[in-house]
Amino acid sequence: MPKVLLIEDHNETASQIMAELVNRGFDVDWAATGVEGLDKARTCEADVMIVDRLLPGIDGLTIIEVARQEQVQTPVLVLSALGAVDDRVRGLRAGGDDYLTKPFAIVELIARIEALLRRPGDSRETVLHVGPLELDLLQRTAKRDKRTLELLPRECRLLEYMMRREDQLLTRAMLFEEVWNYKFVPQSNLVDVHMGRLRRKVDAPGEPPMLLNIRGEGFILRAPS
């Protein structure tokens, strides 16, 4: 049973989140203030934390920063009414793994928590490398050698997923679930269209191909030999 630490001062919001999580089989611990939240973040063995940014006593970003300084590596989903790009960047730079703006749909919150729980253990990395390919997750920039790749948000998420799974065969079903959050495979060429665009950006003419299409099976990202 995955354990979630919820740090949220708004009782109604906390009650809704807890009810949904418990209904889906999660074990939930709740802290209603920043001070209590920091104490529990330091001592609990949660699999994931949900931290509201604006809290009484100690704000959410401070909780995350202190926890990271003390080597607490638990994935964190930041909740906030502040949705500007700069605010989201601050949340991620403080040590958050994902950022969800209020108001939000509970189903999206659940999907984001499930995605955090599925991430591999090295998910704290913010700059990924595969051969000559580099992806900066905070700046949302990518380059191959010295060539900058102009990526759309979905392409960036797709590339991140593949770089974290270098040399692994990734099926369309896996990509639909992890990148698009679909629990089924629609009758669509959506993955192939996005993959084609991404491949043209990653593999310029004359460069050894890195993004490989394994016909009938899926895709592999592989460093040039």
Protein backbone atom coordinates (compact mmCIF):
# COMPACT_ATOMS: atom_id res chain seq x y z
CA MET A 1 0.00 0.00 0.00
CA PRO A 2 1.74 3.24 -1.12
CA LYS A 3 2.02 5.84 1.63
CA VAL A 4 1.33 9.51 0.95
CA LEU A 5 2.21 12.45 3.19
CA LEU A 6 -0.23 15.30 2.55
CA ILE A 7 0.80 18.74 3.83
CA GLU A 8 -2.22 21.00 3.26
CA ASP A 9 -3.77 23.61 5.56
CA HIS A 10 -7.16 23.91 3.85
CA ASN A 11 -9.40 21.38 5.59
CA GLU A 12 -11.89 20.92 2.77
CA THR A 13 -9.18 20.42 0.15
CA ALA A 14 -7.30 18.02 2.43
CA SER A 15 -10.46 16.02 3.15
CA GLN A 16 -11.25 15.65 -0.56
CA ILE A 17 -7.74 14.55 -1.41
CA MET A 18 -7.54 12.10 1.50
CA ALA A 19 -10.93 10.57 0.73
CA GLU A 20 -9.98 9.95 -2.89
CA LEU A 21 -6.54 8.56 -2.03
CA VAL A 22 -7.87 6.22 0.65
CA ASN A 23 -10.59 5.06 -1.74
CA ARG A 24 -7.84 4.13 -4.21
CA GLY A 25 -5.87 2.14 -1.66
CA PHE A 26 -3.32 4.69 -0.44
CA ASP A 27 -2.23 5.06 3.16
CA VAL A 28 -2.43 8.81 3.91
CA ASP A 29 -0.80 10.85 6.67
CA TRP A 30 -1.92 14.49 6.98
CA ALA A 31 -0.20 17.58 8.35
CA ALA A 32 -2.14 20.87 8.51
CA THR A 33 0.73 23.29 9.22
CA GLY A 34 4.20 23.88 7.88
CA VAL A 35 5.90 23.03 11.17
CA GLU A 36 4.03 19.74 11.51
CA GLY A 37 4.62 19.02 7.84
CA LEU A 38 8.36 19.50 8.09
CA ASP A 39 8.54 17.21 11.14
CA LYS A 40 6.65 14.49 9.30
CA ALA A 41 8.65 14.97 6.10
CA ARG A 42 11.81 14.35 8.10
CA THR A 43 10.58 11.26 9.94
CA CYS A 44 7.88 9.51 7.93
CA GLU A 45 8.56 6.84 5.33
CA ALA A 46 6.19 8.16 2.69
CA ASP A 47 6.48 7.00 -0.91
CA VAL A 48 5.36 10.42 -2.16
CA MET A 49 4.59 13.81 -0.60
CA ILE A 50 1.95 16.35 -1.62
CA VAL A 51 2.97 19.79 -0.36
CA ASP A 52 0.86 22.94 -0.55
CA ARG A 53 3.04 25.93 -1.32
CA LEU A 54 1.33 28.46 0.98
CA LEU A 55 1.20 27.12 4.55
CA PRO A 56 1.00 28.68 8.01
CA GLY A 57 4.25 28.66 9.97
CA ILE A 58 6.66 27.39 7.31
CA ASP A 59 5.88 27.68 3.61
CA GLY A 60 5.88 24.63 1.37
CA LEU A 61 9.00 25.51 -0.61
CA THR A 62 10.99 25.86 2.60
CA ILE A 63 9.80 22.41 3.69
CA ILE A 64 10.99 20.94 0.40
CA GLU A 65 14.32 22.77 0.47
CA VAL A 66 15.08 21.68 4.04
CA ALA A 67 14.04 18.09 3.29
CA ARG A 68 16.34 17.98 0.25
CA GLN A 69 19.22 19.45 2.26
CA GLU A 70 18.71 16.65 4.77
CA GLN A 71 18.81 14.07 1.95
CA VAL A 72 15.10 13.24 1.97
CA GLN A 73 14.61 11.97 -1.59
CA THR A 74 10.86 11.28 -1.47
CA PRO A 75 9.15 12.51 -4.68
CA VAL A 76 7.16 15.73 -4.10
CA LEU A 77 4.10 17.09 -5.87
CA VAL A 78 3.72 20.83 -5.18
CA LEU A 79 0.20 22.27 -4.97
CA SER A 80 -0.27 26.01 -5.44
CA ALA A 81 -2.69 28.71 -6.53
CA LEU A 82 0.34 30.42 -8.10
CA GLY A 83 0.47 29.20 -11.67
CA ALA A 84 2.86 31.56 -13.46
CA VAL A 85 5.90 30.03 -15.16
CA ASP A 86 8.27 31.65 -12.65
CA ASP A 87 6.28 30.17 -9.76
CA ARG A 88 6.40 26.68 -11.26
CA VAL A 89 10.13 27.01 -11.86
CA ARG A 90 10.68 28.05 -8.22
CA GLY A 91 8.74 25.02 -7.07
CA LEU A 92 10.85 22.67 -9.16
CA ARG A 93 14.12 24.35 -8.25
CA ALA A 94 13.26 24.07 -4.56
CA GLY A 95 13.26 20.30 -5.05
CA GLY A 96 9.74 19.53 -6.22
CA ASP A 97 9.26 16.80 -8.80
CA ASP A 98 5.96 18.05 -10.21
CA TYR A 99 3.75 21.14 -9.84
CA LEU A 100 -0.06 21.24 -9.96
CA THR A 101 -1.97 24.52 -9.99
CA LYS A 102 -5.18 25.02 -8.01
CA PRO A 103 -7.99 24.50 -8.73
CA PHE A 104 -7.33 21.03 -10.10
CA ALA A 105 -9.25 17.88 -10.93
CA ILE A 106 -8.74 15.10 -8.39
CA VAL A 107 -8.24 12.59 -11.21
CA GLU A 108 -5.30 14.63 -12.49
CA LEU A 109 -3.75 14.76 -9.02
CA ILE A 110 -4.08 10.96 -8.74
CA ALA A 111 -2.55 10.48 -12.18
CA ARG A 112 0.42 12.68 -11.26
CA ILE A 113 0.97 10.79 -8.01
CA GLU A 114 0.85 7.48 -9.84
CA ALA A 115 3.38 8.83 -12.36
CA LEU A 116 5.73 9.89 -9.55
CA LEU A 117 5.48 6.45 -7.98
CA ARG A 118 6.39 4.83 -11.31
CA ARG A 119 9.49 6.94 -11.85
CA PRO A 120 12.82 5.17 -11.61
CA GLY A 121 15.00 5.81 -8.59
CA ASP A 122 17.20 8.37 -10.35
CA SER A 123 14.28 10.76 -10.89
CA ARG A 124 16.03 13.49 -8.85
CA GLU A 125 18.32 14.18 -11.79
CA THR A 126 17.49 17.48 -13.45
CA VAL A 127 19.94 17.24 -16.37
CA LEU A 128 19.80 14.02 -18.38
CA HIS A 129 22.47 12.76 -20.78
CA VAL A 130 22.43 10.03 -23.41
CA GLY A 131 25.52 10.14 -25.60
CA PRO A 132 25.66 13.62 -27.21
CA LEU A 133 22.07 14.35 -26.16
CA GLU A 134 21.37 16.60 -23.16
CA LEU A 135 18.02 17.58 -21.61
CA ASP A 136 17.75 20.20 -18.85
CA LEU A 137 14.47 19.54 -17.04
CA LEU A 138 14.41 22.83 -15.15
CA GLN A 139 15.16 25.09 -18.10
CA ARG A 140 13.24 22.79 -20.48
CA THR A 141 16.06 23.01 -23.01
CA ALA A 142 17.66 20.28 -25.08
CA LYS A 143 20.69 20.00 -27.31
CA ARG A 144 22.64 17.43 -29.26
CA ASP A 145 26.31 18.28 -29.06
CA LYS A 146 26.21 22.07 -29.64
CA ARG A 147 22.99 22.02 -31.66
CA THR A 148 19.92 23.32 -29.80
CA LEU A 149 16.69 21.34 -30.16
CA GLU A 150 13.50 23.42 -30.22
CA LEU A 151 11.06 21.10 -28.45
CA LEU A 152 7.37 21.49 -27.78
CA PRO A 153 6.22 20.60 -24.23
CA ARG A 154 4.93 17.13 -25.21
CA GLU A 155 8.12 16.41 -27.16
CA CYS A 156 10.13 17.41 -24.10
CA ARG A 157 8.14 15.02 -21.89
CA LEU A 158 8.49 12.27 -24.47
CA LEU A 159 12.23 12.76 -24.73
CA GLU A 160 12.60 12.79 -20.94
CA TYR A 161 10.73 9.48 -20.66
CA MET A 162 12.95 7.89 -23.31
CA MET A 163 16.22 9.27 -21.92
CA ARG A 164 15.42 7.83 -18.50
CA ARG A 165 15.04 4.46 -20.22
CA GLU A 166 18.02 4.50 -22.54
CA ASP A 167 18.36 1.41 -24.73
CA GLN A 168 14.98 0.01 -23.63
CA LEU A 169 12.25 -0.97 -26.07
CA LEU A 170 9.26 1.27 -25.37
CA THR A 171 5.94 0.18 -26.81
CA ARG A 172 3.21 2.54 -27.95
CA ALA A 173 1.05 1.36 -25.05
CA MET A 174 3.80 2.35 -22.58
CA LEU A 175 4.14 5.78 -24.18
CA PHE A 176 0.39 6.39 -24.21
CA GLU A 177 0.17 5.57 -20.50
CA GLU A 178 3.27 7.39 -19.28
CA VAL A 179 3.41 10.44 -21.57
CA TRP A 180 -0.27 10.96 -22.38
CA ASN A 181 -1.72 9.37 -19.20
CA TYR A 182 -4.04 7.13 -21.21
CA LYS A 183 -5.00 3.82 -19.60
CA PHE A 184 -5.82 2.35 -23.00
CA VAL A 185 -4.37 2.43 -26.50
CA PRO A 186 -6.60 4.56 -28.74
CA GLN A 187 -6.95 3.87 -32.44
CA SER A 188 -4.65 6.72 -33.31
CA ASN A 189 -1.26 7.46 -34.86
CA LEU A 190 -0.64 10.09 -32.17
CA VAL A 191 2.56 8.48 -30.89
CA ASP A 192 3.96 7.98 -34.37
CA VAL A 193 3.29 11.59 -35.36
CA HIS A 194 5.01 12.98 -32.26
CA MET A 195 7.84 10.48 -32.55
CA GLY A 196 8.40 11.44 -36.18
CA ARG A 197 8.67 15.12 -35.25
CA LEU A 198 10.97 14.35 -32.35
CA ARG A 199 13.19 12.11 -34.48
CA ARG A 200 13.66 14.85 -37.07
CA LYS A 201 14.84 17.19 -34.31
CA VAL A 202 17.10 14.69 -32.52
CA ASP A 203 18.61 13.10 -35.64
CA ALA A 204 19.67 15.77 -38.13
CA PRO A 205 20.82 14.72 -41.62
CA GLY A 206 24.29 13.23 -41.49
CA GLU A 207 24.17 12.42 -37.77
CA PRO A 208 24.14 8.82 -36.50
CA PRO A 209 20.50 8.02 -35.62
CA MET A 210 19.63 7.81 -31.93
CA LEU A 211 15.83 7.47 -31.98
CA LEU A 212 15.06 4.10 -33.54
CA ASN A 213 11.71 2.78 -34.75
CA ILE A 214 11.51 -1.00 -34.24
CA ARG A 215 8.80 -1.92 -36.71
CA GLY A 216 5.76 -3.50 -35.11
CA GLU A 217 7.23 -3.27 -31.59
CA GLY A 218 8.02 0.27 -30.51
CA PHE A 219 10.90 2.71 -30.13
CA ILE A 220 14.38 2.81 -28.63
CA LEU A 221 16.62 5.75 -27.74
CA ARG A 222 20.24 4.65 -28.07
CA ALA A 223 23.56 6.51 -27.94
CA PRO A 224 25.57 6.31 -31.18
CA SER A 225 28.21 3.58 -31.11
